[in-house]
Amino acid sequence: MSMHDVLKRPLVTEKGITKKDSEATLSFEVALDANKIQIRQAVEKLFNVKVAAVRTATFDGKLRRRGRFAGYRSDWKKAYVRLEPGQKVPEFTEM
């Protein structure tokens, strides 16, 4: 699995931006079958930073309705990546 397959997209939310500014922690949507080691290697290679810790959470897809039709959203996985002290936090708008 390549690093672009592991990291799907950065999560740019209010909580994610607060964590990025205060705790030097980045948040990403990642592949469901990606493990913490693969996530660490992808972030280090893509952003040229050192990673201190990786935390992951898996979410089940929610039931969504459109009129009489019902379906489920896809399951997804989130990763919080904390950088080592002294590392420059990358801006996602510079990519």
PDB file of N, CA and C in Angstrom:
ATOM      1  N   MET A   1       0.845  -1.175   0.000  1.00  0.00           N
ATOM      2  CA  MET A   1       0.000   0.000   0.000  1.00  0.00           C
ATOM      3  C   MET A   1       0.892   1.240   0.000  1.00  0.00           C
ATOM      4  N   SER A   2       0.655   2.157  -0.926  1.00  0.00           N
ATOM      5  CA  SER A   2       1.472   3.368  -1.000  1.00  0.00           C
ATOM      6  C   SER A   2       1.003   4.385   0.036  1.00  0.00           C
ATOM      7  N   MET A   3       1.801   5.424   0.233  1.00  0.00           N
ATOM      8  CA  MET A   3       1.458   6.417   1.252  1.00  0.00           C
ATOM      9  C   MET A   3       0.201   7.192   0.872  1.00  0.00           C
ATOM     10  N   HIS A   4      -0.066   7.315  -0.430  1.00  0.00           N
ATOM     11  CA  HIS A   4      -1.284   8.004  -0.849  1.00  0.00           C
ATOM     12  C   HIS A   4      -2.515   7.121  -0.685  1.00  0.00           C
ATOM     13  N   ASP A   5      -2.327   5.815  -0.619  1.00  0.00           N
ATOM     14  CA  ASP A   5      -3.435   4.911  -0.324  1.00  0.00           C
ATOM     15  C   ASP A   5      -3.735   4.896   1.177  1.00  0.00           C
ATOM     16  N   VAL A   6      -2.710   5.081   1.993  1.00  0.00           N
ATOM     17  CA  VAL A   6      -2.890   5.069   3.446  1.00  0.00           C
ATOM     18  C   VAL A   6      -3.613   6.333   3.906  1.00  0.00           C
ATOM     19  N   LEU A   7      -3.112   7.497   3.522  1.00  0.00           N
ATOM     20  CA  LEU A   7      -3.719   8.771   3.915  1.00  0.00           C
ATOM     21  C   LEU A   7      -4.705   9.203   2.831  1.00  0.00           C
ATOM     22  N   LYS A   8      -5.982   9.174   3.140  1.00  0.00           N
ATOM     23  CA  LYS A   8      -6.987   9.553   2.150  1.00  0.00           C
ATOM     24  C   LYS A   8      -7.119  11.064   2.047  1.00  0.00           C
ATOM     25  N   ARG A   9      -7.297  11.741   3.198  1.00  0.00           N
ATOM     26  CA  ARG A   9      -7.449  13.195   3.191  1.00  0.00           C
ATOM     27  C   ARG A   9      -7.247  13.728   4.596  1.00  0.00           C
ATOM     28  N   PRO A  10      -6.809  14.981   4.715  1.00  0.00           N
ATOM     29  CA  PRO A  10      -6.741  15.594   6.046  1.00  0.00           C
ATOM     30  C   PRO A  10      -8.141  15.984   6.495  1.00  0.00           C
ATOM     31  N   LEU A  11      -8.395  15.882   7.787  1.00  0.00           N
ATOM     32  CA  LEU A  11      -9.678  16.289   8.338  1.00  0.00           C
ATOM     33  C   LEU A  11      -9.551  17.725   8.819  1.00  0.00           C
ATOM     34  N   VAL A  12     -10.123  18.643   8.079  1.00  0.00           N
ATOM     35  CA  VAL A  12     -10.059  20.063   8.419  1.00  0.00           C
ATOM     36  C   VAL A  12     -11.379  20.413   9.093  1.00  0.00           C
ATOM     37  N   THR A  13     -11.413  20.219  10.421  1.00  0.00           N
ATOM     38  CA  THR A  13     -12.582  20.525  11.221  1.00  0.00           C
ATOM     39  C   THR A  13     -12.159  21.476  12.328  1.00  0.00           C
ATOM     40  N   GLU A  14     -13.126  22.004  13.047  1.00  0.00           N
ATOM     41  CA  GLU A  14     -12.817  22.926  14.136  1.00  0.00           C
ATOM     42  C   GLU A  14     -11.963  22.237  15.207  1.00  0.00           C
ATOM     43  N   LYS A  15     -12.329  21.019  15.558  1.00  0.00           N
ATOM     44  CA  LYS A  15     -11.560  20.269  16.550  1.00  0.00           C
ATOM     45  C   LYS A  15     -10.158  19.950  16.033  1.00  0.00           C
ATOM     46  N   GLY A  16     -10.058  19.563  14.761  1.00  0.00           N
ATOM     47  CA  GLY A  16      -8.762  19.221  14.184  1.00  0.00           C
ATOM     48  C   GLY A  16      -7.819  20.410  14.122  1.00  0.00           C
ATOM     49  N   ILE A  17      -8.333  21.584  13.780  1.00  0.00           N
ATOM     50  CA  ILE A  17      -7.494  22.780  13.713  1.00  0.00           C
ATOM     51  C   ILE A  17      -7.050  23.211  15.105  1.00  0.00           C
ATOM     52  N   THR A  18      -7.933  23.072  16.102  1.00  0.00           N
ATOM     53  CA  THR A  18      -7.559  23.389  17.480  1.00  0.00           C
ATOM     54  C   THR A  18      -6.447  22.470  17.968  1.00  0.00           C
ATOM     55  N   LYS A  19      -6.567  21.168  17.689  1.00  0.00           N
ATOM     56  CA  LYS A  19      -5.524  20.216  18.087  1.00  0.00           C
ATOM     57  C   LYS A  19      -4.213  20.491  17.353  1.00  0.00           C
ATOM     58  N   LYS A  20      -4.309  20.887  16.078  1.00  0.00           N
ATOM     59  CA  LYS A  20      -3.101  21.178  15.309  1.00  0.00           C
ATOM     60  C   LYS A  20      -2.364  22.375  15.891  1.00  0.00           C
ATOM     61  N   ASP A  21      -3.092  23.418  16.258  1.00  0.00           N
ATOM     62  CA  ASP A  21      -2.469  24.630  16.783  1.00  0.00           C
ATOM     63  C   ASP A  21      -1.946  24.461  18.198  1.00  0.00           C
ATOM     64  N   SER A  22      -2.702  23.784  19.068  1.00  0.00           N
ATOM     65  CA  SER A  22      -2.327  23.718  20.477  1.00  0.00           C
ATOM     66  C   SER A  22      -1.444  22.521  20.824  1.00  0.00           C
ATOM     67  N   GLU A  23      -1.650  21.375  20.167  1.00  0.00           N
ATOM     68  CA  GLU A  23      -0.963  20.141  20.555  1.00  0.00           C
ATOM     69  C   GLU A  23      -0.051  19.571  19.475  1.00  0.00           C
ATOM     70  N   ALA A  24       0.102  20.248  18.352  1.00  0.00           N
ATOM     71  CA  ALA A  24       0.905  19.755  17.219  1.00  0.00           C
ATOM     72  C   ALA A  24       0.450  18.363  16.797  1.00  0.00           C
ATOM     73  N   THR A  25      -0.882  18.208  16.685  1.00  0.00           N
ATOM     74  CA  THR A  25      -1.478  16.934  16.309  1.00  0.00           C
ATOM     75  C   THR A  25      -2.257  17.107  15.017  1.00  0.00           C
ATOM     76  N   LEU A  26      -1.970  16.258  14.035  1.00  0.00           N
ATOM     77  CA  LEU A  26      -2.653  16.291  12.750  1.00  0.00           C
ATOM     78  C   LEU A  26      -3.726  15.208  12.726  1.00  0.00           C
ATOM     79  N   SER A  27      -4.820  15.456  12.017  1.00  0.00           N
ATOM     80  CA  SER A  27      -5.873  14.447  11.912  1.00  0.00           C
ATOM     81  C   SER A  27      -6.119  14.129  10.439  1.00  0.00           C
ATOM     82  N   PHE A  28      -6.281  12.839  10.153  1.00  0.00           N
ATOM     83  CA  PHE A  28      -6.452  12.359   8.782  1.00  0.00           C
ATOM     84  C   PHE A  28      -7.542  11.309   8.736  1.00  0.00           C
ATOM     85  N   GLU A  29      -8.215  11.226   7.584  1.00  0.00           N
ATOM     86  CA  GLU A  29      -9.009  10.047   7.279  1.00  0.00           C
ATOM     87  C   GLU A  29      -8.053   9.077   6.597  1.00  0.00           C
ATOM     88  N   VAL A  30      -8.009   7.845   7.081  1.00  0.00           N
ATOM     89  CA  VAL A  30      -7.053   6.861   6.572  1.00  0.00           C
ATOM     90  C   VAL A  30      -7.802   5.631   6.077  1.00  0.00           C
ATOM     91  N   ALA A  31      -7.083   4.762   5.383  1.00  0.00           N
ATOM     92  CA  ALA A  31      -7.658   3.516   4.885  1.00  0.00           C
ATOM     93  C   ALA A  31      -8.038   2.625   6.057  1.00  0.00           C
ATOM     94  N   LEU A  32      -9.126   1.866   5.900  1.00  0.00           N
ATOM     95  CA  LEU A  32      -9.604   0.997   6.972  1.00  0.00           C
ATOM     96  C   LEU A  32      -8.590  -0.068   7.361  1.00  0.00           C
ATOM     97  N   ASP A  33      -7.819  -0.564   6.401  1.00  0.00           N
ATOM     98  CA  ASP A  33      -6.870  -1.633   6.698  1.00  0.00           C
ATOM     99  C   ASP A  33      -5.461  -1.129   6.997  1.00  0.00           C
ATOM    100  N   ALA A  34      -5.296   0.200   7.135  1.00  0.00           N
ATOM    101  CA  ALA A  34      -3.973   0.757   7.462  1.00  0.00           C
ATOM    102  C   ALA A  34      -3.725   0.631   8.963  1.00  0.00           C
ATOM    103  N   ASN A  35      -2.488   0.249   9.317  1.00  0.00           N
ATOM    104  CA  ASN A  35      -2.151   0.169  10.738  1.00  0.00           C
ATOM    105  C   ASN A  35      -1.327   1.391  11.144  1.00  0.00           C
ATOM    106  N   LYS A  36      -1.011   1.493  12.435  1.00  0.00           N
ATOM    107  CA  LYS A  36      -0.331   2.676  12.959  1.00  0.00           C
ATOM    108  C   LYS A  36       1.069   2.853  12.375  1.00  0.00           C
ATOM    109  N   ILE A  37       1.753   1.770  12.108  1.00  0.00           N
ATOM    110  CA  ILE A  37       3.107   1.843  11.550  1.00  0.00           C
ATOM    111  C   ILE A  37       3.060   2.418  10.132  1.00  0.00           C
ATOM    112  N   GLN A  38       2.107   1.959   9.326  1.00  0.00           N
ATOM    113  CA  GLN A  38       1.969   2.478   7.969  1.00  0.00           C
ATOM    114  C   GLN A  38       1.579   3.955   7.972  1.00  0.00           C
ATOM    115  N   ILE A  39       0.711   4.352   8.902  1.00  0.00           N
ATOM    116  CA  ILE A  39       0.300   5.754   9.012  1.00  0.00           C
ATOM    117  C   ILE A  39       1.492   6.615   9.399  1.00  0.00           C
ATOM    118  N   ARG A  40       2.295   6.162  10.367  1.00  0.00           N
ATOM    119  CA  ARG A  40       3.487   6.893  10.791  1.00  0.00           C
ATOM    120  C   ARG A  40       4.464   7.072   9.643  1.00  0.00           C
ATOM    121  N   GLN A  41       4.739   6.008   8.900  1.00  0.00           N
ATOM    122  CA  GLN A  41       5.679   6.088   7.795  1.00  0.00           C
ATOM    123  C   GLN A  41       5.178   7.008   6.689  1.00  0.00           C
ATOM    124  N   ALA A  42       3.880   6.984   6.407  1.00  0.00           N
ATOM    125  CA  ALA A  42       3.323   7.835   5.358  1.00  0.00           C
ATOM    126  C   ALA A  42       3.413   9.310   5.728  1.00  0.00           C
ATOM    127  N   VAL A  43       3.104   9.655   6.974  1.00  0.00           N
ATOM    128  CA  VAL A  43       3.168  11.057   7.409  1.00  0.00           C
ATOM    129  C   VAL A  43       4.610  11.543   7.423  1.00  0.00           C
ATOM    130  N   GLU A  44       5.531  10.718   7.929  1.00  0.00           N
ATOM    131  CA  GLU A  44       6.939  11.123   7.971  1.00  0.00           C
ATOM    132  C   GLU A  44       7.500  11.341   6.569  1.00  0.00           C
ATOM    133  N   LYS A  45       7.139  10.482   5.633  1.00  0.00           N
ATOM    134  CA  LYS A  45       7.670  10.607   4.272  1.00  0.00           C
ATOM    135  C   LYS A  45       7.013  11.771   3.516  1.00  0.00           C
ATOM    136  N   LEU A  46       5.715  11.950   3.681  1.00  0.00           N
ATOM    137  CA  LEU A  46       4.985  12.965   2.922  1.00  0.00           C
ATOM    138  C   LEU A  46       5.260  14.381   3.415  1.00  0.00           C
ATOM    139  N   PHE A  47       5.360  14.572   4.743  1.00  0.00           N
ATOM    140  CA  PHE A  47       5.510  15.915   5.306  1.00  0.00           C
ATOM    141  C   PHE A  47       6.914  16.213   5.842  1.00  0.00           C
ATOM    142  N   ASN A  48       7.831  15.244   5.796  1.00  0.00           N
ATOM    143  CA  ASN A  48       9.205  15.412   6.297  1.00  0.00           C
ATOM    144  C   ASN A  48       9.233  15.884   7.745  1.00  0.00           C
ATOM    145  N   VAL A  49       8.509  15.178   8.611  1.00  0.00           N
ATOM    146  CA  VAL A  49       8.470  15.470  10.042  1.00  0.00           C
ATOM    147  C   VAL A  49       8.690  14.172  10.809  1.00  0.00           C
ATOM    148  N   LYS A  50       8.963  14.284  12.109  1.00  0.00           N
ATOM    149  CA  LYS A  50       9.101  13.119  12.987  1.00  0.00           C
ATOM    150  C   LYS A  50       7.820  12.961  13.785  1.00  0.00           C
ATOM    151  N   VAL A  51       7.289  11.748  13.842  1.00  0.00           N
ATOM    152  CA  VAL A  51       6.031  11.455  14.514  1.00  0.00           C
ATOM    153  C   VAL A  51       6.311  10.883  15.892  1.00  0.00           C
ATOM    154  N   ALA A  52       5.620  11.413  16.911  1.00  0.00           N
ATOM    155  CA  ALA A  52       5.782  10.921  18.274  1.00  0.00           C
ATOM    156  C   ALA A  52       4.789   9.800  18.575  1.00  0.00           C
ATOM    157  N   ALA A  53       3.527   9.951  18.158  1.00  0.00           N
ATOM    158  CA  ALA A  53       2.505   8.948  18.474  1.00  0.00           C
ATOM    159  C   ALA A  53       1.400   8.987  17.432  1.00  0.00           C
ATOM    160  N   VAL A  54       0.723   7.841  17.286  1.00  0.00           N
ATOM    161  CA  VAL A  54      -0.424   7.731  16.378  1.00  0.00           C
ATOM    162  C   VAL A  54      -1.567   7.078  17.150  1.00  0.00           C
ATOM    163  N   ARG A  55      -2.744   7.709  17.097  1.00  0.00           N
ATOM    164  CA  ARG A  55      -3.952   7.131  17.680  1.00  0.00           C
ATOM    165  C   ARG A  55      -4.972   6.978  16.559  1.00  0.00           C
ATOM    166  N   THR A  56      -5.710   5.866  16.565  1.00  0.00           N
ATOM    167  CA  THR A  56      -6.698   5.623  15.522  1.00  0.00           C
ATOM    168  C   THR A  56      -8.060   5.339  16.138  1.00  0.00           C
ATOM    169  N   ALA A  57      -9.099   5.608  15.357  1.00  0.00           N
ATOM    170  CA  ALA A  57     -10.471   5.299  15.750  1.00  0.00           C
ATOM    171  C   ALA A  57     -11.224   4.876  14.493  1.00  0.00           C
ATOM    172  N   THR A  58     -12.028   3.821  14.608  1.00  0.00           N
ATOM    173  CA  THR A  58     -12.826   3.325  13.500  1.00  0.00           C
ATOM    174  C   THR A  58     -14.292   3.658  13.760  1.00  0.00           C
ATOM    175  N   PHE A  59     -14.970   4.147  12.718  1.00  0.00           N
ATOM    176  CA  PHE A  59     -16.362   4.557  12.835  1.00  0.00           C
ATOM    177  C   PHE A  59     -17.222   3.743  11.884  1.00  0.00           C
ATOM    178  N   ASP A  60     -18.382   3.290  12.373  1.00  0.00           N
ATOM    179  CA  ASP A  60     -19.343   2.584  11.539  1.00  0.00           C
ATOM    180  C   ASP A  60     -20.158   3.591  10.740  1.00  0.00           C
ATOM    181  N   GLY A  61     -20.544   3.202   9.526  1.00  0.00           N
ATOM    182  CA  GLY A  61     -21.356   4.069   8.686  1.00  0.00           C
ATOM    183  C   GLY A  61     -22.751   4.250   9.265  1.00  0.00           C
ATOM    184  N   LYS A  62     -23.285   5.460   9.123  1.00  0.00           N
ATOM    185  CA  LYS A  62     -24.606   5.772   9.661  1.00  0.00           C
ATOM    186  C   LYS A  62     -25.693   5.445   8.636  1.00  0.00           C
ATOM    187  N   LEU A  63     -26.888   5.159   9.140  1.00  0.00           N
ATOM    188  CA  LEU A  63     -28.042   4.954   8.285  1.00  0.00           C
ATOM    189  C   LEU A  63     -28.508   6.310   7.767  1.00  0.00           C
ATOM    190  N   ARG A  64     -28.673   6.437   6.463  1.00  0.00           N
ATOM    191  CA  ARG A  64     -29.143   7.676   5.845  1.00  0.00           C
ATOM    192  C   ARG A  64     -30.327   7.362   4.952  1.00  0.00           C
ATOM    193  N   ARG A  65     -31.297   8.275   4.953  1.00  0.00           N
ATOM    194  CA  ARG A  65     -32.511   8.083   4.160  1.00  0.00           C
ATOM    195  C   ARG A  65     -32.666   9.207   3.156  1.00  0.00           C
ATOM    196  N   ARG A  66     -33.168   8.876   2.000  1.00  0.00           N
ATOM    197  CA  ARG A  66     -33.561   9.835   0.979  1.00  0.00           C
ATOM    198  C   ARG A  66     -34.982   9.443   0.571  1.00  0.00           C
ATOM    199  N   GLY A  67     -35.960  10.065   1.203  1.00  0.00           N
ATOM    200  CA  GLY A  67     -37.344   9.695   0.948  1.00  0.00           C
ATOM    201  C   GLY A  67     -37.614   8.300   1.463  1.00  0.00           C
ATOM    202  N   ARG A  68     -38.101   7.432   0.595  1.00  0.00           N
ATOM    203  CA  ARG A  68     -38.396   6.067   1.036  1.00  0.00           C
ATOM    204  C   ARG A  68     -37.206   5.132   0.907  1.00  0.00           C
ATOM    205  N   PHE A  69     -36.097   5.625   0.369  1.00  0.00           N
ATOM    206  CA  PHE A  69     -34.909   4.792   0.182  1.00  0.00           C
ATOM    207  C   PHE A  69     -33.962   4.972   1.360  1.00  0.00           C
ATOM    208  N   ALA A  70     -33.425   3.894   1.837  1.00  0.00           N
ATOM    209  CA  ALA A  70     -32.499   3.939   2.968  1.00  0.00           C
ATOM    210  C   ALA A  70     -31.217   3.219   2.589  1.00  0.00           C
ATOM    211  N   GLY A  71     -30.111   3.689   3.146  1.00  0.00           N
ATOM    212  CA  GLY A  71     -28.820   3.061   2.910  1.00  0.00           C
ATOM    213  C   GLY A  71     -27.850   3.468   3.992  1.00  0.00           C
ATOM    214  N   TYR A  72     -26.686   2.871   3.975  1.00  0.00           N
ATOM    215  CA  TYR A  72     -25.668   3.163   4.968  1.00  0.00           C
ATOM    216  C   TYR A  72     -24.489   3.867   4.320  1.00  0.00           C
ATOM    217  N   ARG A  73     -23.925   4.822   5.034  1.00  0.00           N
ATOM    218  CA  ARG A  73     -22.658   5.398   4.605  1.00  0.00           C
ATOM    219  C   ARG A  73     -21.556   4.375   4.828  1.00  0.00           C
ATOM    220  N   SER A  74     -20.412   4.605   4.210  1.00  0.00           N
ATOM    221  CA  SER A  74     -19.290   3.684   4.352  1.00  0.00           C
ATOM    222  C   SER A  74     -18.654   3.815   5.732  1.00  0.00           C
ATOM    223  N   ASP A  75     -18.090   2.706   6.221  1.00  0.00           N
ATOM    224  CA  ASP A  75     -17.287   2.751   7.442  1.00  0.00           C
ATOM    225  C   ASP A  75     -16.009   3.518   7.127  1.00  0.00           C
ATOM    226  N   TRP A  76     -15.434   4.190   8.148  1.00  0.00           N
ATOM    227  CA  TRP A  76     -14.213   4.949   7.912  1.00  0.00           C
ATOM    228  C   TRP A  76     -13.353   4.960   9.163  1.00  0.00           C
ATOM    229  N   LYS A  77     -12.098   5.355   8.980  1.00  0.00           N
ATOM    230  CA  LYS A  77     -11.121   5.326  10.055  1.00  0.00           C
ATOM    231  C   LYS A  77     -10.425   6.676  10.137  1.00  0.00           C
ATOM    232  N   LYS A  78     -10.226   7.161  11.364  1.00  0.00           N
ATOM    233  CA  LYS A  78      -9.580   8.442  11.615  1.00  0.00           C
ATOM    234  C   LYS A  78      -8.282   8.189  12.368  1.00  0.00           C
ATOM    235  N   ALA A  79      -7.268   9.002  12.070  1.00  0.00           N
ATOM    236  CA  ALA A  79      -5.982   8.895  12.766  1.00  0.00           C
ATOM    237  C   ALA A  79      -5.569  10.268  13.271  1.00  0.00           C
ATOM    238  N   TYR A  80      -5.175  10.321  14.543  1.00  0.00           N
ATOM    239  CA  TYR A  80      -4.561  11.510  15.128  1.00  0.00           C
ATOM    240  C   TYR A  80      -3.063  11.250  15.223  1.00  0.00           C
ATOM    241  N   VAL A  81      -2.274  12.103  14.591  1.00  0.00           N
ATOM    242  CA  VAL A  81      -0.819  11.931  14.524  1.00  0.00           C
ATOM    243  C   VAL A  81      -0.169  13.082  15.285  1.00  0.00           C
ATOM    244  N   ARG A  82       0.461  12.773  16.426  1.00  0.00           N
ATOM    245  CA  ARG A  82       1.143  13.800  17.221  1.00  0.00           C
ATOM    246  C   ARG A  82       2.599  13.871  16.799  1.00  0.00           C
ATOM    247  N   LEU A  83       3.067  15.078  16.522  1.00  0.00           N
ATOM    248  CA  LEU A  83       4.447  15.291  16.093  1.00  0.00           C
ATOM    249  C   LEU A  83       5.352  15.462  17.298  1.00  0.00           C
ATOM    250  N   GLU A  84       6.636  15.157  17.103  1.00  0.00           N
ATOM    251  CA  GLU A  84       7.608  15.343  18.176  1.00  0.00           C
ATOM    252  C   GLU A  84       7.815  16.832  18.435  1.00  0.00           C
ATOM    253  N   PRO A  85       8.193  17.193  19.670  1.00  0.00           N
ATOM    254  CA  PRO A  85       8.433  18.612  19.977  1.00  0.00           C
ATOM    255  C   PRO A  85       9.529  19.186  19.082  1.00  0.00           C
ATOM    256  N   GLY A  86       9.321  20.424  18.642  1.00  0.00           N
ATOM    257  CA  GLY A  86      10.291  21.092  17.788  1.00  0.00           C
ATOM    258  C   GLY A  86      10.043  20.909  16.304  1.00  0.00           C
ATOM    259  N   GLN A  87       9.100  20.043  15.929  1.00  0.00           N
ATOM    260  CA  GLN A  87       8.793  19.822  14.522  1.00  0.00           C
ATOM    261  C   GLN A  87       7.834  20.904  14.027  1.00  0.00           C
ATOM    262  N   LYS A  88       8.034  21.358  12.794  1.00  0.00           N
ATOM    263  CA  LYS A  88       7.165  22.373  12.204  1.00  0.00           C
ATOM    264  C   LYS A  88       5.880  21.703  11.735  1.00  0.00           C
ATOM    265  N   VAL A  89       4.743  22.236  12.167  1.00  0.00           N
ATOM    266  CA  VAL A  89       3.449  21.683  11.794  1.00  0.00           C
ATOM    267  C   VAL A  89       3.114  22.118  10.367  1.00  0.00           C
ATOM    268  N   PRO A  90       2.905  21.177   9.437  1.00  0.00           N
ATOM    269  CA  PRO A  90       2.614  21.556   8.047  1.00  0.00           C
ATOM    270  C   PRO A  90       1.215  22.151   7.917  1.00  0.00           C
ATOM    271  N   GLU A  91       1.090  23.106   7.009  1.00  0.00           N
ATOM    272  CA  GLU A  91      -0.211  23.685   6.684  1.00  0.00           C
ATOM    273  C   GLU A  91      -0.769  22.909   5.492  1.00  0.00           C
ATOM    274  N   PHE A  92      -2.012  22.493   5.563  1.00  0.00           N
ATOM    275  CA  PHE A  92      -2.592  21.695   4.487  1.00  0.00           C
ATOM    276  C   PHE A  92      -2.855  22.528   3.244  1.00  0.00           C
ATOM    277  N   THR A  93      -2.962  23.849   3.395  1.00  0.00           N
ATOM    278  CA  THR A  93      -3.219  24.690   2.224  1.00  0.00           C
ATOM    279  C   THR A  93      -1.961  24.877   1.385  1.00  0.00           C
ATOM    280  N   GLU A  94      -0.768  24.520   1.919  1.00  0.00           N
ATOM    281  CA  GLU A  94       0.486  24.666   1.186  1.00  0.00           C
ATOM    282  C   GLU A  94       0.769  23.460   0.302  1.00  0.00           C
ATOM    283  N   MET A  95       0.005  22.372   0.406  1.00  0.00           N
ATOM    284  CA  MET A  95       0.284  21.155  -0.337  1.00  0.00           C
ATOM    285  C   MET A  95       0.085  21.309  -1.798  1.00  0.00           C
TER     286      MET A  95
END
